[in-house]
Amino acid sequence: MKFRGSYTVCVTPFDDKGQVDLAALRSYVEWQIEEGVHGLIPLGSTGEFLSLTRDERAAVAETTIKQVAGRVPVLIGTAAEWTDEAVSLSREAESLGADGVMLVPPYYSSPTEAELVAHFTRVAEAISIPMMLYNNPFTANVDLTAPLVARLSEVENISYIKDTSKNVHRVTELLDLCGDRMTVFAGYYPWESYLAGAEGYSSVMSNIAPALSAQTFTETVDGDAALGRSLYLQSLPLINALAGDLYVSATKSAMRLVGRPMGDPRPPRLPLPADAEARLRGILAELDLLK
């Protein structure tokens, strides 16, 4: 199996008491698949993994994998600040039937390059499913540079990267240094990244508009390139609206506005402020997504 296409980085649904809502998660997974999503990535940043207990993370992973039942790939977010915990989470994901795992670097300790190599290598050697590196220098405090990723691509199982550096040229650098050992997923700017050689998009907007995100990939990469660009330009205001510091709050607000409520984010995050929600409502109205 090779991962490619538009993969939704899934929100985690909470009920009105702030508890994980597994029934809502099952319904959400079915809707995503019906809308044509190419893959799902629960328990990433958008999934508020840092605000979940270990048991809750396991429940979200297990519920998603069982509901998908092999219809699309599922990569489980297994990031942790402590390498042993990341190993344990990744082994657990594999045992539950995950197709891969996704890990952002340890996000508080600001590890050195040698420490990053040791961390990711230990996790990769503990499992037999592919690892997707998640480069997000804005939140993890370290940048997985192209030369570093090239070193990591020599490790068996480390064969994907989600790059959220906002530097589209990074796609070119990664492919130049890694060759066919690494498949790049865009974290931002998917259309430009596809043109540079990315084969996937780790998509926040796909929580709200999975069909649009999937079609943009399919047309741009495998179909009508002009149509792909047109679809991207339509979706760009939504992509930008979800890309700020309040991305989790904005995503959950947008899901409520399109008729797919997933609860409020967990504290310390707050619901999206009213003025920002009004702007978001206008963007969704332009896309004819409001319910």
Protein backbone atom coordinates (compact mmCIF):
# COMPACT_ATOMS: atom_id res chain seq x y z
CA MET A 1 0.00 0.00 0.00
CA LYS A 2 1.24 3.46 -0.89
CA PHE A 3 -0.30 6.48 0.80
CA ARG A 4 -1.33 9.26 -1.59
CA GLY A 5 -4.17 11.70 -1.94
CA SER A 6 -6.12 13.92 0.42
CA TYR A 7 -5.95 12.58 3.97
CA THR A 8 -8.12 14.24 6.60
CA VAL A 9 -6.35 15.15 9.84
CA CYS A 10 -9.37 14.35 11.94
CA VAL A 11 -10.90 16.38 14.73
CA THR A 12 -11.79 14.53 17.92
CA PRO A 13 -15.51 14.83 18.73
CA PHE A 14 -16.60 15.77 22.24
CA ASP A 15 -20.11 15.69 23.68
CA ASP A 16 -21.76 18.55 25.58
CA LYS A 17 -19.97 17.43 28.76
CA GLY A 18 -16.58 17.53 27.06
CA GLN A 19 -16.16 13.76 26.89
CA VAL A 20 -14.97 11.90 23.78
CA ASP A 21 -18.04 11.03 21.69
CA LEU A 22 -17.30 7.71 20.00
CA ALA A 23 -20.75 7.50 18.37
CA ALA A 24 -20.14 10.86 16.71
CA LEU A 25 -16.70 9.63 15.64
CA ARG A 26 -18.18 6.57 13.93
CA SER A 27 -20.71 8.73 12.07
CA TYR A 28 -17.97 11.16 11.07
CA VAL A 29 -15.79 8.35 9.69
CA GLU A 30 -18.67 7.04 7.57
CA TRP A 31 -19.36 10.52 6.20
CA GLN A 32 -15.70 11.06 5.36
CA ILE A 33 -15.53 7.81 3.40
CA GLU A 34 -18.82 8.50 1.61
CA GLU A 35 -17.42 11.90 0.56
CA GLY A 36 -14.44 10.23 -1.11
CA VAL A 37 -11.59 10.95 1.30
CA HIS A 38 -8.40 9.03 0.44
CA GLY A 39 -7.26 8.42 4.03
CA LEU A 40 -7.70 9.45 7.66
CA ILE A 41 -5.21 10.65 10.28
CA PRO A 42 -6.74 10.84 13.77
CA LEU A 43 -4.87 12.09 16.83
CA GLY A 44 -2.80 14.76 15.14
CA SER A 45 -2.65 18.40 16.16
CA THR A 46 -6.17 19.06 14.85
CA GLY A 47 -7.31 16.02 16.84
CA GLU A 48 -6.15 17.66 20.10
CA PHE A 49 -3.98 14.67 20.99
CA LEU A 50 -2.26 16.63 23.75
CA SER A 51 -5.62 17.15 25.46
CA LEU A 52 -6.56 13.45 25.55
CA THR A 53 -5.75 10.82 28.14
CA ARG A 54 -3.85 7.70 27.11
CA ASP A 55 -7.08 5.67 27.31
CA GLU A 56 -8.92 8.22 25.19
CA ARG A 57 -6.22 8.13 22.54
CA ALA A 58 -6.52 4.35 22.39
CA ALA A 59 -10.32 4.54 22.13
CA VAL A 60 -10.19 7.06 19.27
CA ALA A 61 -7.62 4.98 17.40
CA GLU A 62 -9.49 1.71 17.87
CA THR A 63 -12.89 3.17 16.98
CA THR A 64 -11.56 4.82 13.81
CA ILE A 65 -9.73 1.72 12.61
CA LYS A 66 -12.71 -0.57 13.26
CA GLN A 67 -15.18 1.79 11.57
CA VAL A 68 -12.98 2.25 8.51
CA ALA A 69 -12.61 -1.54 8.22
CA GLY A 70 -9.86 -1.31 5.63
CA ARG A 71 -11.72 0.90 3.16
CA VAL A 72 -9.09 3.67 3.28
CA PRO A 73 -5.70 3.87 5.01
CA VAL A 74 -5.61 5.05 8.63
CA LEU A 75 -2.48 6.63 10.09
CA ILE A 76 -2.59 7.15 13.84
CA GLY A 77 -0.90 10.11 15.47
CA THR A 78 1.46 8.65 18.09
CA ALA A 79 3.58 11.64 19.02
CA ALA A 80 4.90 12.01 22.55
CA GLU A 81 7.51 14.05 24.35
CA TRP A 82 9.12 10.88 25.75
CA THR A 83 10.57 8.41 23.24
CA ASP A 84 9.46 5.35 25.23
CA GLU A 85 5.88 6.60 25.21
CA ALA A 86 6.01 7.24 21.45
CA VAL A 87 7.26 3.67 20.98
CA SER A 88 4.44 2.33 23.15
CA LEU A 89 1.77 4.35 21.34
CA SER A 90 3.10 3.30 17.95
CA ARG A 91 3.17 -0.38 18.89
CA GLU A 92 -0.37 -0.05 20.18
CA ALA A 93 -1.50 1.56 16.92
CA GLU A 94 0.04 -1.27 14.92
CA SER A 95 -1.63 -3.87 17.15
CA LEU A 96 -5.01 -2.18 16.57
CA GLY A 97 -4.58 -2.48 12.80
CA ALA A 98 -3.30 0.96 11.81
CA ASP A 99 -1.75 1.24 8.35
CA GLY A 100 0.85 3.72 9.57
CA VAL A 101 1.72 6.24 12.27
CA MET A 102 2.44 9.96 12.19
CA LEU A 103 4.80 11.66 14.63
CA VAL A 104 5.66 15.30 15.19
CA PRO A 105 9.02 15.76 16.97
CA PRO A 106 9.04 16.07 20.76
CA TYR A 107 7.48 19.48 21.15
CA TYR A 108 8.88 20.93 24.37
CA SER A 109 12.45 19.71 24.74
CA SER A 110 13.60 21.14 21.38
CA PRO A 111 15.81 18.12 20.67
CA THR A 112 19.08 18.36 18.78
CA GLU A 113 19.52 16.76 15.39
CA ALA A 114 21.25 13.74 16.96
CA GLU A 115 18.41 13.38 19.45
CA LEU A 116 15.81 13.59 16.68
CA VAL A 117 17.57 10.86 14.71
CA ALA A 118 17.71 8.65 17.80
CA HIS A 119 14.06 9.34 18.67
CA PHE A 120 12.56 8.60 15.27
CA THR A 121 14.87 5.65 14.62
CA ARG A 122 13.88 3.96 17.88
CA VAL A 123 10.19 4.32 17.07
CA ALA A 124 10.61 3.12 13.48
CA GLU A 125 12.60 0.07 14.56
CA ALA A 126 9.89 -0.86 17.08
CA ILE A 127 7.15 -1.26 14.45
CA SER A 128 6.69 -2.77 11.01
CA ILE A 129 4.25 -0.23 9.55
CA PRO A 130 5.29 3.02 7.82
CA MET A 131 6.04 6.18 9.74
CA MET A 132 5.06 9.64 8.51
CA LEU A 133 7.27 12.36 9.95
CA TYR A 134 5.35 15.53 10.78
CA ASN A 135 7.37 18.69 10.34
CA ASN A 136 5.66 21.62 12.04
CA PRO A 137 8.37 24.04 13.18
CA PHE A 138 5.78 26.58 14.35
CA THR A 139 4.52 24.34 17.16
CA ALA A 140 7.27 21.73 17.68
CA ASN A 141 10.07 24.32 18.01
CA VAL A 142 12.33 22.35 15.67
CA ASP A 143 12.51 22.18 11.90
CA LEU A 144 13.01 18.82 10.21
CA THR A 145 15.32 20.17 7.50
CA ALA A 146 15.72 18.42 4.17
CA PRO A 147 19.24 17.10 5.00
CA LEU A 148 17.96 15.72 8.31
CA VAL A 149 14.98 14.08 6.62
CA ALA A 150 17.36 12.56 4.06
CA ARG A 151 19.24 10.91 6.94
CA LEU A 152 16.01 9.63 8.42
CA SER A 153 14.82 8.31 5.06
CA GLU A 154 17.61 5.75 5.24
CA VAL A 155 15.82 4.16 8.21
CA GLU A 156 13.44 1.38 7.24
CA ASN A 157 9.76 2.37 7.68
CA ILE A 158 10.43 6.15 7.66
CA SER A 159 9.05 6.78 4.20
CA TYR A 160 6.58 9.69 4.45
CA ILE A 161 6.65 13.27 5.65
CA LYS A 162 3.96 15.85 6.22
CA ASP A 163 5.70 19.17 5.73
CA THR A 164 4.03 22.17 7.34
CA SER A 165 6.95 24.57 6.94
CA LYS A 166 4.92 26.80 4.55
CA ASN A 167 7.96 26.64 2.26
CA VAL A 168 6.85 24.95 -0.95
CA HIS A 169 10.47 24.80 -2.15
CA ARG A 170 11.04 22.38 0.72
CA VAL A 171 9.14 19.77 -1.33
CA THR A 172 11.76 20.09 -4.08
CA GLU A 173 14.61 19.87 -1.57
CA LEU A 174 13.14 16.79 0.08
CA LEU A 175 12.62 14.92 -3.16
CA ASP A 176 16.07 15.92 -4.43
CA LEU A 177 17.84 14.61 -1.32
CA CYS A 178 15.62 11.63 -0.52
CA GLY A 179 14.68 10.40 -3.97
CA ASP A 180 12.06 7.66 -3.96
CA ARG A 181 12.75 6.86 -0.30
CA MET A 182 10.35 9.61 0.84
CA THR A 183 6.81 10.56 -0.20
CA VAL A 184 5.87 14.14 0.65
CA PHE A 185 2.46 15.23 1.94
CA ALA A 186 1.70 18.93 2.01
CA GLY A 187 0.64 20.51 5.28
CA TYR A 188 -0.09 23.89 3.66
CA TYR A 189 -0.53 25.06 0.06
CA PRO A 190 -1.48 21.70 -1.47
CA TRP A 191 -1.81 22.78 -5.12
CA GLU A 192 1.64 24.34 -5.28
CA SER A 193 3.05 21.34 -3.41
CA TYR A 194 1.47 18.90 -5.88
CA LEU A 195 3.15 20.74 -8.74
CA ALA A 196 6.48 20.41 -6.93
CA GLY A 197 6.03 16.66 -6.54
CA ALA A 198 4.03 16.11 -3.35
CA GLU A 199 1.76 13.10 -3.60
CA GLY A 200 -0.61 13.93 -0.80
CA TYR A 201 -2.20 16.56 1.42
CA SER A 202 -2.67 16.24 5.15
CA SER A 203 -5.83 18.30 5.04
CA VAL A 204 -7.51 20.28 7.82
CA MET A 205 -10.13 21.66 5.42
CA SER A 206 -11.15 18.08 4.63
CA ASN A 207 -12.89 17.98 8.00
CA ILE A 208 -15.39 20.43 6.52
CA ALA A 209 -15.19 19.78 2.76
CA PRO A 210 -13.72 16.31 2.22
CA ALA A 211 -15.08 15.94 -1.31
CA LEU A 212 -13.62 19.27 -2.42
CA SER A 213 -10.21 18.46 -0.94
CA ALA A 214 -10.16 15.00 -2.51
CA GLN A 215 -11.29 16.24 -5.92
CA THR A 216 -8.65 18.97 -5.93
CA PHE A 217 -5.97 16.31 -5.51
CA THR A 218 -7.46 13.95 -8.08
CA GLU A 219 -7.87 16.59 -10.78
CA THR A 220 -4.54 18.30 -10.17
CA VAL A 221 -2.44 15.14 -10.05
CA ASP A 222 -4.36 12.59 -12.11
CA GLY A 223 -6.94 14.50 -14.15
CA ASP A 224 -7.77 17.99 -15.41
CA ALA A 225 -5.02 20.25 -14.06
CA ALA A 226 -6.93 23.44 -14.89
CA LEU A 227 -9.96 22.18 -12.97
CA GLY A 228 -7.69 21.25 -10.09
CA ARG A 229 -6.37 24.80 -9.93
CA SER A 230 -9.89 26.23 -10.07
CA LEU A 231 -11.01 24.01 -7.19
CA TYR A 232 -7.96 25.02 -5.19
CA LEU A 233 -8.64 28.71 -5.66
CA GLN A 234 -12.20 28.13 -4.46
CA SER A 235 -10.99 26.39 -1.33
CA LEU A 236 -8.05 28.70 -0.54
CA PRO A 237 -10.06 31.15 1.62
CA LEU A 238 -11.18 28.23 3.77
CA ILE A 239 -7.65 26.79 3.96
CA ASN A 240 -6.34 30.18 5.11
CA ALA A 241 -9.18 30.66 7.62
CA LEU A 242 -8.26 27.37 9.28
CA ALA A 243 -4.50 27.95 9.29
CA GLY A 244 -4.09 30.44 12.12
CA ASP A 245 -3.37 30.02 15.82
CA LEU A 246 -7.04 29.13 16.45
CA TYR A 247 -7.09 26.34 13.89
CA VAL A 248 -8.75 23.76 16.17
CA SER A 249 -11.42 26.21 17.32
CA ALA A 250 -11.99 27.38 13.74
CA THR A 251 -12.28 23.83 12.43
CA LYS A 252 -14.81 22.84 15.08
CA SER A 253 -16.78 26.03 14.50
CA ALA A 254 -16.85 25.37 10.76
CA MET A 255 -18.03 21.80 11.34
CA ARG A 256 -20.96 23.03 13.40
CA LEU A 257 -21.82 25.57 10.68
CA VAL A 258 -21.89 22.86 7.99
CA GLY A 259 -24.14 20.63 10.08
CA ARG A 260 -21.49 18.30 11.49
CA PRO A 261 -21.11 19.45 15.13
CA MET A 262 -18.16 17.86 16.94
CA GLY A 263 -18.32 19.81 20.19
CA ASP A 264 -16.10 22.57 21.52
CA PRO A 265 -12.33 22.18 21.85
CA ARG A 266 -10.95 21.24 25.25
CA PRO A 267 -9.49 23.91 27.51
CA PRO A 268 -7.35 25.88 27.46
CA ARG A 269 -8.71 26.32 23.95
CA LEU A 270 -11.92 28.35 23.75
CA PRO A 271 -14.63 28.37 21.10
CA LEU A 272 -13.92 30.62 18.13
CA PRO A 273 -14.62 34.32 18.85
CA ALA A 274 -17.82 35.68 17.31
CA ASP A 275 -16.10 38.03 14.85
CA ALA A 276 -13.89 35.25 13.49
CA GLU A 277 -16.89 32.92 13.23
CA ALA A 278 -18.78 35.57 11.24
CA ARG A 279 -15.93 35.72 8.73
CA LEU A 280 -15.82 31.94 8.58
CA ARG A 281 -19.55 31.81 7.97
CA GLY A 282 -19.12 34.09 4.97
CA ILE A 283 -16.42 31.83 3.50
CA LEU A 284 -18.59 28.74 3.96
CA ALA A 285 -21.54 30.53 2.38
CA GLU A 286 -19.42 31.28 -0.72
CA LEU A 287 -18.65 27.56 -0.96
CA ASP A 288 -22.35 26.70 -0.49
CA LEU A 289 -21.51 24.58 2.56
CA LEU A 290 -23.72 26.18 5.22
CA LYS A 291 -26.52 24.13 6.72
